[in-house]
Amino acid sequence: WSTTNVGVYRIEFGSDHPEAFYGNNNYGHCVSCHVLSPDGSKMAVTYEGGQAKLGLVAVENPTDPDLVVISSDDGIQGNFKTFSPDSSRLLASHDGILRMIDAETGEELYTIELEDKVTMPSWSPRGDRIAVVLVQEDAFSYDYHFFQGEIALLYVDEKGNIGTEPDVIVPRVEGVNHSYPAFSPAGEWLAYNRCEKEDNPWEGRDSYADPPVPHGSIHR
């Protein structure tokens, strides 16, 4: 993503020159947080910044209306997104709730609400687990703006059903925030961000401020 195009840039393998791919250059609006499907055919995006509309377009030609699965006009909202390993489903977070979406039709299949707010999902390439961030309601403002998050796993059974009893693997700690979990390509490791309050107010140490702080990883 680049502020120059207020959208997504693309760089071909072997090239040292990125090109504007989808944003102000050809769509005319902000195209922000995005994720590619594992098979490389689709791209899920958030239009017009955070807490906004979800889009699902074809990588072949994201502006072709005949190839769009979810457009900004459909009114579906989503901030952080992750695809199932077979690229058939899209899991998106919005306002601390997860939405499961059929990536072929754009139909919303069901929602997942937990006792805590849940955000920043990352589906393991192995398919059997999804990493998420859990946040207590009084520490949660938006999917990308919260304090004292903890990292947990939601397990997926053989039928593709997602469990609702989280397995906390990086527990909540006073004065510490954990965010942005991401699985390695083989699913053996999970990387995440970790920041400490130190002497600064939380406003400079939340999940949105992007301070220069340590990160962590855990073997799964």
C-alpha atoms as a PDB file:
ATOM      1  CA  TRP A   1       0.000   0.000   0.000  1.00  0.00           C
ATOM      2  CA  SER A   2       1.226   3.504  -0.739  1.00  0.00           C
ATOM      3  CA  THR A   3       0.029   6.957   0.207  1.00  0.00           C
ATOM      4  CA  THR A   4       1.189   8.164  -3.209  1.00  0.00           C
ATOM      5  CA  ASN A   5      -1.606   6.297  -4.971  1.00  0.00           C
ATOM      6  CA  VAL A   6      -3.776   5.925  -1.865  1.00  0.00           C
ATOM      7  CA  GLY A   7      -4.033   2.330  -2.946  1.00  0.00           C
ATOM      8  CA  VAL A   8      -2.235  -0.896  -3.759  1.00  0.00           C
ATOM      9  CA  TYR A   9       1.035  -1.096  -5.659  1.00  0.00           C
ATOM     10  CA  ARG A  10       2.357  -4.210  -7.379  1.00  0.00           C
ATOM     11  CA  ILE A  11       5.903  -5.292  -8.179  1.00  0.00           C
ATOM     12  CA  GLU A  12       6.623  -8.193 -10.510  1.00  0.00           C
ATOM     13  CA  PHE A  13       9.229 -10.756  -9.525  1.00  0.00           C
ATOM     14  CA  GLY A  14      12.545  -9.765 -11.039  1.00  0.00           C
ATOM     15  CA  SER A  15      11.551  -6.112 -11.272  1.00  0.00           C
ATOM     16  CA  ASP A  16      12.779  -3.252  -9.116  1.00  0.00           C
ATOM     17  CA  HIS A  17      10.003  -0.850 -10.132  1.00  0.00           C
ATOM     18  CA  PRO A  18       6.592  -0.997  -8.396  1.00  0.00           C
ATOM     19  CA  GLU A  19       3.509   0.068 -10.344  1.00  0.00           C
ATOM     20  CA  ALA A  20       0.191   1.466  -9.185  1.00  0.00           C
ATOM     21  CA  PHE A  21      -2.230  -1.449  -9.306  1.00  0.00           C
ATOM     22  CA  TYR A  22      -5.549  -0.549  -7.671  1.00  0.00           C
ATOM     23  CA  GLY A  23      -6.427   2.771  -6.084  1.00  0.00           C
ATOM     24  CA  ASN A  24      -6.740   6.401  -7.076  1.00  0.00           C
ATOM     25  CA  ASN A  25      -5.016   5.648 -10.381  1.00  0.00           C
ATOM     26  CA  ASN A  26      -7.844   3.482 -11.760  1.00  0.00           C
ATOM     27  CA  TYR A  27     -10.603   3.263  -9.139  1.00  0.00           C
ATOM     28  CA  GLY A  28     -10.726   6.887  -8.050  1.00  0.00           C
ATOM     29  CA  HIS A  29     -10.982   6.152  -4.324  1.00  0.00           C
ATOM     30  CA  CYS A  30      -8.831   5.021  -1.425  1.00  0.00           C
ATOM     31  CA  VAL A  31      -8.098   1.280  -1.436  1.00  0.00           C
ATOM     32  CA  SER A  32      -6.431   0.378   1.844  1.00  0.00           C
ATOM     33  CA  CYS A  33      -5.885  -2.819   3.874  1.00  0.00           C
ATOM     34  CA  HIS A  34      -5.741  -5.745   1.463  1.00  0.00           C
ATOM     35  CA  VAL A  35      -4.966  -9.458   1.340  1.00  0.00           C
ATOM     36  CA  LEU A  36      -4.455 -11.891  -1.547  1.00  0.00           C
ATOM     37  CA  SER A  37      -6.133 -15.282  -1.744  1.00  0.00           C
ATOM     38  CA  PRO A  38      -3.692 -18.231  -1.517  1.00  0.00           C
ATOM     39  CA  ASP A  39      -4.352 -19.178  -5.145  1.00  0.00           C
ATOM     40  CA  GLY A  40      -3.571 -15.604  -6.230  1.00  0.00           C
ATOM     41  CA  SER A  41      -6.882 -15.088  -8.032  1.00  0.00           C
ATOM     42  CA  LYS A  42      -8.651 -12.677  -5.685  1.00  0.00           C
ATOM     43  CA  MET A  43      -7.857  -9.677  -3.510  1.00  0.00           C
ATOM     44  CA  ALA A  44      -9.931  -8.559  -0.534  1.00  0.00           C
ATOM     45  CA  VAL A  45      -9.688  -4.845   0.271  1.00  0.00           C
ATOM     46  CA  THR A  46     -11.135  -2.181   2.524  1.00  0.00           C
ATOM     47  CA  TYR A  47     -12.364   0.946   0.750  1.00  0.00           C
ATOM     48  CA  GLU A  48     -11.996   4.459   2.145  1.00  0.00           C
ATOM     49  CA  GLY A  49      -9.846   3.612   5.176  1.00  0.00           C
ATOM     50  CA  GLY A  50     -10.692   1.784   8.419  1.00  0.00           C
ATOM     51  CA  GLN A  51     -14.181   0.935   9.668  1.00  0.00           C
ATOM     52  CA  ALA A  52     -15.354   1.000   6.080  1.00  0.00           C
ATOM     53  CA  LYS A  53     -16.640  -1.078   3.189  1.00  0.00           C
ATOM     54  CA  LEU A  54     -15.286  -4.466   2.163  1.00  0.00           C
ATOM     55  CA  GLY A  55     -14.402  -5.311  -1.415  1.00  0.00           C
ATOM     56  CA  LEU A  56     -13.503  -8.579  -3.158  1.00  0.00           C
ATOM     57  CA  VAL A  57     -12.055  -8.237  -6.641  1.00  0.00           C
ATOM     58  CA  ALA A  58     -10.193 -10.272  -9.241  1.00  0.00           C
ATOM     59  CA  VAL A  59      -6.416  -9.865  -9.361  1.00  0.00           C
ATOM     60  CA  GLU A  60      -6.633 -10.336 -13.134  1.00  0.00           C
ATOM     61  CA  ASN A  61      -8.473  -7.017 -13.428  1.00  0.00           C
ATOM     62  CA  PRO A  62      -9.734  -5.439 -10.180  1.00  0.00           C
ATOM     63  CA  THR A  63     -11.703  -2.732 -11.989  1.00  0.00           C
ATOM     64  CA  ASP A  64     -13.677  -5.088 -14.250  1.00  0.00           C
ATOM     65  CA  PRO A  65     -17.256  -5.006 -12.868  1.00  0.00           C
ATOM     66  CA  ASP A  66     -17.967  -8.445 -14.336  1.00  0.00           C
ATOM     67  CA  LEU A  67     -15.208  -9.953 -12.162  1.00  0.00           C
ATOM     68  CA  VAL A  68     -16.061  -8.147  -8.924  1.00  0.00           C
ATOM     69  CA  VAL A  69     -17.434 -10.438  -6.199  1.00  0.00           C
ATOM     70  CA  ILE A  70     -18.112  -7.735  -3.580  1.00  0.00           C
ATOM     71  CA  SER A  71     -18.264  -4.066  -4.552  1.00  0.00           C
ATOM     72  CA  SER A  72     -18.282  -0.979  -2.363  1.00  0.00           C
ATOM     73  CA  ASP A  73     -21.969  -0.557  -3.239  1.00  0.00           C
ATOM     74  CA  ASP A  74     -22.858  -3.856  -1.546  1.00  0.00           C
ATOM     75  CA  GLY A  75     -22.455  -2.243   1.876  1.00  0.00           C
ATOM     76  CA  ILE A  76     -20.571  -5.124   3.511  1.00  0.00           C
ATOM     77  CA  GLN A  77     -18.044  -3.896   6.071  1.00  0.00           C
ATOM     78  CA  GLY A  78     -14.692  -5.420   6.938  1.00  0.00           C
ATOM     79  CA  ASN A  79     -11.313  -4.291   8.204  1.00  0.00           C
ATOM     80  CA  PHE A  80      -8.905  -7.224   8.562  1.00  0.00           C
ATOM     81  CA  LYS A  81      -9.309 -10.192   6.243  1.00  0.00           C
ATOM     82  CA  THR A  82      -7.950 -13.706   5.766  1.00  0.00           C
ATOM     83  CA  PHE A  83      -8.723 -16.436   3.232  1.00  0.00           C
ATOM     84  CA  SER A  84      -9.141 -20.142   3.841  1.00  0.00           C
ATOM     85  CA  PRO A  85      -6.209 -22.163   2.397  1.00  0.00           C
ATOM     86  CA  ASP A  86      -8.335 -23.286  -0.570  1.00  0.00           C
ATOM     87  CA  SER A  87      -9.390 -19.669  -1.254  1.00  0.00           C
ATOM     88  CA  SER A  88     -13.088 -20.583  -1.080  1.00  0.00           C
ATOM     89  CA  ARG A  89     -13.943 -18.558   2.037  1.00  0.00           C
ATOM     90  CA  LEU A  90     -13.077 -15.133   3.378  1.00  0.00           C
ATOM     91  CA  LEU A  91     -13.086 -14.292   7.080  1.00  0.00           C
ATOM     92  CA  ALA A  92     -13.314 -10.571   7.882  1.00  0.00           C
ATOM     93  CA  SER A  93     -13.412  -8.620  11.133  1.00  0.00           C
ATOM     94  CA  HIS A  94     -15.510  -5.548  11.800  1.00  0.00           C
ATOM     95  CA  ASP A  95     -16.335  -3.933  15.133  1.00  0.00           C
ATOM     96  CA  GLY A  96     -14.967  -6.903  17.070  1.00  0.00           C
ATOM     97  CA  ILE A  97     -17.075  -9.494  15.197  1.00  0.00           C
ATOM     98  CA  LEU A  98     -15.947 -12.011  12.549  1.00  0.00           C
ATOM     99  CA  ARG A  99     -17.917 -12.536   9.339  1.00  0.00           C
ATOM    100  CA  MET A 100     -17.536 -15.668   7.209  1.00  0.00           C
ATOM    101  CA  ILE A 101     -18.093 -14.959   3.520  1.00  0.00           C
ATOM    102  CA  ASP A 102     -18.309 -17.208   0.478  1.00  0.00           C
ATOM    103  CA  ALA A 103     -15.406 -15.982  -1.666  1.00  0.00           C
ATOM    104  CA  GLU A 104     -17.058 -17.176  -4.865  1.00  0.00           C
ATOM    105  CA  THR A 105     -20.466 -15.540  -4.443  1.00  0.00           C
ATOM    106  CA  GLY A 106     -19.824 -12.840  -1.806  1.00  0.00           C
ATOM    107  CA  GLU A 107     -22.649 -14.214   0.355  1.00  0.00           C
ATOM    108  CA  GLU A 108     -22.294 -13.729   4.098  1.00  0.00           C
ATOM    109  CA  LEU A 109     -22.527 -17.220   5.603  1.00  0.00           C
ATOM    110  CA  TYR A 110     -22.504 -16.482   9.339  1.00  0.00           C
ATOM    111  CA  THR A 111     -20.948 -14.324  12.057  1.00  0.00           C
ATOM    112  CA  ILE A 112     -18.792 -15.253  15.034  1.00  0.00           C
ATOM    113  CA  GLU A 113     -19.116 -13.323  18.287  1.00  0.00           C
ATOM    114  CA  LEU A 114     -17.051 -14.183  21.354  1.00  0.00           C
ATOM    115  CA  GLU A 115     -17.123 -12.977  24.937  1.00  0.00           C
ATOM    116  CA  ASP A 116     -14.282 -10.562  24.094  1.00  0.00           C
ATOM    117  CA  LYS A 117     -14.005  -8.471  20.973  1.00  0.00           C
ATOM    118  CA  VAL A 118     -12.182 -10.407  18.242  1.00  0.00           C
ATOM    119  CA  THR A 119     -10.127  -8.954  15.392  1.00  0.00           C
ATOM    120  CA  MET A 120      -7.106  -9.412  13.093  1.00  0.00           C
ATOM    121  CA  PRO A 121      -7.761 -13.009  11.957  1.00  0.00           C
ATOM    122  CA  SER A 122      -5.009 -15.048  10.276  1.00  0.00           C
ATOM    123  CA  TRP A 123      -5.970 -18.450   8.805  1.00  0.00           C
ATOM    124  CA  SER A 124      -3.216 -21.058   9.063  1.00  0.00           C
ATOM    125  CA  PRO A 125      -2.095 -22.577   5.732  1.00  0.00           C
ATOM    126  CA  ARG A 126      -2.723 -25.942   7.400  1.00  0.00           C
ATOM    127  CA  GLY A 127      -6.399 -24.998   7.573  1.00  0.00           C
ATOM    128  CA  ASP A 128      -7.059 -26.277  11.082  1.00  0.00           C
ATOM    129  CA  ARG A 129      -6.683 -23.068  13.085  1.00  0.00           C
ATOM    130  CA  ILE A 130      -7.156 -19.317  12.896  1.00  0.00           C
ATOM    131  CA  ALA A 131      -5.129 -16.863  14.956  1.00  0.00           C
ATOM    132  CA  VAL A 132      -7.018 -13.845  16.302  1.00  0.00           C
ATOM    133  CA  VAL A 133      -6.601 -10.985  18.744  1.00  0.00           C
ATOM    134  CA  LEU A 134      -8.952 -10.874  21.722  1.00  0.00           C
ATOM    135  CA  VAL A 135      -9.660  -7.546  23.412  1.00  0.00           C
ATOM    136  CA  GLN A 136     -11.783  -6.729  26.433  1.00  0.00           C
ATOM    137  CA  GLU A 137     -14.675  -4.455  25.503  1.00  0.00           C
ATOM    138  CA  ASP A 138     -13.534  -1.505  27.622  1.00  0.00           C
ATOM    139  CA  ALA A 139     -10.131  -1.555  25.885  1.00  0.00           C
ATOM    140  CA  PHE A 140     -11.576  -1.742  22.350  1.00  0.00           C
ATOM    141  CA  SER A 141     -12.403   1.197  20.087  1.00  0.00           C
ATOM    142  CA  TYR A 142     -12.035  -0.243  16.580  1.00  0.00           C
ATOM    143  CA  ASP A 143     -10.580  -3.370  14.995  1.00  0.00           C
ATOM    144  CA  TYR A 144      -7.297  -1.536  14.578  1.00  0.00           C
ATOM    145  CA  HIS A 145      -7.424   0.645  17.700  1.00  0.00           C
ATOM    146  CA  PHE A 146      -7.284  -1.150  21.041  1.00  0.00           C
ATOM    147  CA  PHE A 147      -5.138  -1.862  24.092  1.00  0.00           C
ATOM    148  CA  GLN A 148      -3.955  -4.987  25.897  1.00  0.00           C
ATOM    149  CA  GLY A 149      -4.809  -7.464  23.176  1.00  0.00           C
ATOM    150  CA  GLU A 150      -3.974 -11.150  23.564  1.00  0.00           C
ATOM    151  CA  ILE A 151      -3.337 -13.742  20.845  1.00  0.00           C
ATOM    152  CA  ALA A 152      -5.563 -16.814  20.650  1.00  0.00           C
ATOM    153  CA  LEU A 153      -6.396 -19.686  18.301  1.00  0.00           C
ATOM    154  CA  LEU A 154      -9.815 -20.739  17.038  1.00  0.00           C
ATOM    155  CA  TYR A 155      -9.786 -24.320  15.795  1.00  0.00           C
ATOM    156  CA  VAL A 156     -11.429 -25.500  12.572  1.00  0.00           C
ATOM    157  CA  ASP A 157     -12.864 -29.021  12.437  1.00  0.00           C
ATOM    158  CA  GLU A 158     -12.846 -31.436   9.488  1.00  0.00           C
ATOM    159  CA  LYS A 159     -16.171 -30.065   8.240  1.00  0.00           C
ATOM    160  CA  GLY A 160     -14.836 -26.508   8.226  1.00  0.00           C
ATOM    161  CA  ASN A 161     -16.735 -25.355  11.290  1.00  0.00           C
ATOM    162  CA  ILE A 162     -14.929 -22.778  13.431  1.00  0.00           C
ATOM    163  CA  GLY A 163     -14.941 -23.294  17.177  1.00  0.00           C
ATOM    164  CA  THR A 164     -15.922 -20.488  19.525  1.00  0.00           C
ATOM    165  CA  GLU A 165     -13.766 -21.468  22.505  1.00  0.00           C
ATOM    166  CA  PRO A 166     -10.472 -19.587  22.000  1.00  0.00           C
ATOM    167  CA  ASP A 167      -7.164 -21.150  23.004  1.00  0.00           C
ATOM    168  CA  VAL A 168      -5.055 -18.260  24.341  1.00  0.00           C
ATOM    169  CA  ILE A 169      -1.391 -18.695  23.411  1.00  0.00           C
ATOM    170  CA  VAL A 170      -0.086 -15.177  24.179  1.00  0.00           C
ATOM    171  CA  PRO A 171      -2.018 -14.045  27.251  1.00  0.00           C
ATOM    172  CA  ARG A 172      -3.067 -10.528  28.151  1.00  0.00           C
ATOM    173  CA  VAL A 173      -0.485  -8.629  30.232  1.00  0.00           C
ATOM    174  CA  GLU A 174      -0.999  -5.334  32.034  1.00  0.00           C
ATOM    175  CA  GLY A 175       0.727  -2.537  30.124  1.00  0.00           C
ATOM    176  CA  VAL A 176       1.435  -4.690  27.044  1.00  0.00           C
ATOM    177  CA  ASN A 177      -0.410  -4.918  23.723  1.00  0.00           C
ATOM    178  CA  HIS A 178      -0.261  -7.851  21.288  1.00  0.00           C
ATOM    179  CA  SER A 179      -1.567  -7.474  17.749  1.00  0.00           C
ATOM    180  CA  TYR A 180      -1.268  -8.399  14.051  1.00  0.00           C
ATOM    181  CA  PRO A 181      -0.740 -12.186  14.216  1.00  0.00           C
ATOM    182  CA  ALA A 182       0.414 -13.808  10.972  1.00  0.00           C
ATOM    183  CA  PHE A 183       1.216 -17.440  10.164  1.00  0.00           C
ATOM    184  CA  SER A 184       4.346 -18.490   8.303  1.00  0.00           C
ATOM    185  CA  PRO A 185       3.817 -20.063   4.826  1.00  0.00           C
ATOM    186  CA  ALA A 186       4.076 -23.589   6.257  1.00  0.00           C
ATOM    187  CA  GLY A 187       1.965 -22.771   9.312  1.00  0.00           C
ATOM    188  CA  GLU A 188       4.692 -23.728  11.788  1.00  0.00           C
ATOM    189  CA  TRP A 189       5.278 -20.238  13.198  1.00  0.00           C
ATOM    190  CA  LEU A 190       3.077 -17.352  14.186  1.00  0.00           C
ATOM    191  CA  ALA A 191       4.532 -13.843  14.203  1.00  0.00           C
ATOM    192  CA  TYR A 192       2.885 -10.956  16.037  1.00  0.00           C
ATOM    193  CA  ASN A 193       3.510  -7.421  17.259  1.00  0.00           C
ATOM    194  CA  ARG A 194       4.161  -6.664  20.895  1.00  0.00           C
ATOM    195  CA  CYS A 195       4.397  -3.194  22.433  1.00  0.00           C
ATOM    196  CA  GLU A 196       4.827  -2.022  25.994  1.00  0.00           C
ATOM    197  CA  LYS A 197       3.353   1.034  27.624  1.00  0.00           C
ATOM    198  CA  GLU A 198       6.650   2.131  29.210  1.00  0.00           C
ATOM    199  CA  ASP A 199       6.443   5.809  30.230  1.00  0.00           C
ATOM    200  CA  ASN A 200       4.248   6.945  27.352  1.00  0.00           C
ATOM    201  CA  PRO A 201       0.466   7.247  27.457  1.00  0.00           C
ATOM    202  CA  TRP A 202      -1.511   4.469  25.794  1.00  0.00           C
ATOM    203  CA  GLU A 203      -2.428   6.810  22.969  1.00  0.00           C
ATOM    204  CA  GLY A 204       1.102   6.370  21.656  1.00  0.00           C
ATOM    205  CA  ARG A 205       1.281   2.633  22.297  1.00  0.00           C
ATOM    206  CA  ASP A 206      -1.915   1.186  20.887  1.00  0.00           C
ATOM    207  CA  SER A 207      -2.357  -1.076  17.877  1.00  0.00           C
ATOM    208  CA  TYR A 208      -2.818   1.873  15.505  1.00  0.00           C
ATOM    209  CA  ALA A 209       0.083   4.134  16.492  1.00  0.00           C
ATOM    210  CA  ASP A 210       2.728   1.802  14.967  1.00  0.00           C
ATOM    211  CA  PRO A 211       5.480   2.666  17.464  1.00  0.00           C
ATOM    212  CA  PRO A 212       9.029   1.308  17.067  1.00  0.00           C
ATOM    213  CA  VAL A 213       8.595  -1.633  19.436  1.00  0.00           C
ATOM    214  CA  PRO A 214       9.679  -5.288  19.592  1.00  0.00           C
ATOM    215  CA  HIS A 215       7.779  -8.090  17.897  1.00  0.00           C
ATOM    216  CA  GLY A 216       7.458 -11.740  18.859  1.00  0.00           C
ATOM    217  CA  SER A 217       6.932 -15.186  17.374  1.00  0.00           C
ATOM    218  CA  ILE A 218       5.752 -18.531  18.646  1.00  0.00           C
ATOM    219  CA  HIS A 219       6.167 -22.053  17.238  1.00  0.00           C
ATOM    220  CA  ARG A 220       2.839 -23.780  16.565  1.00  0.00           C
END
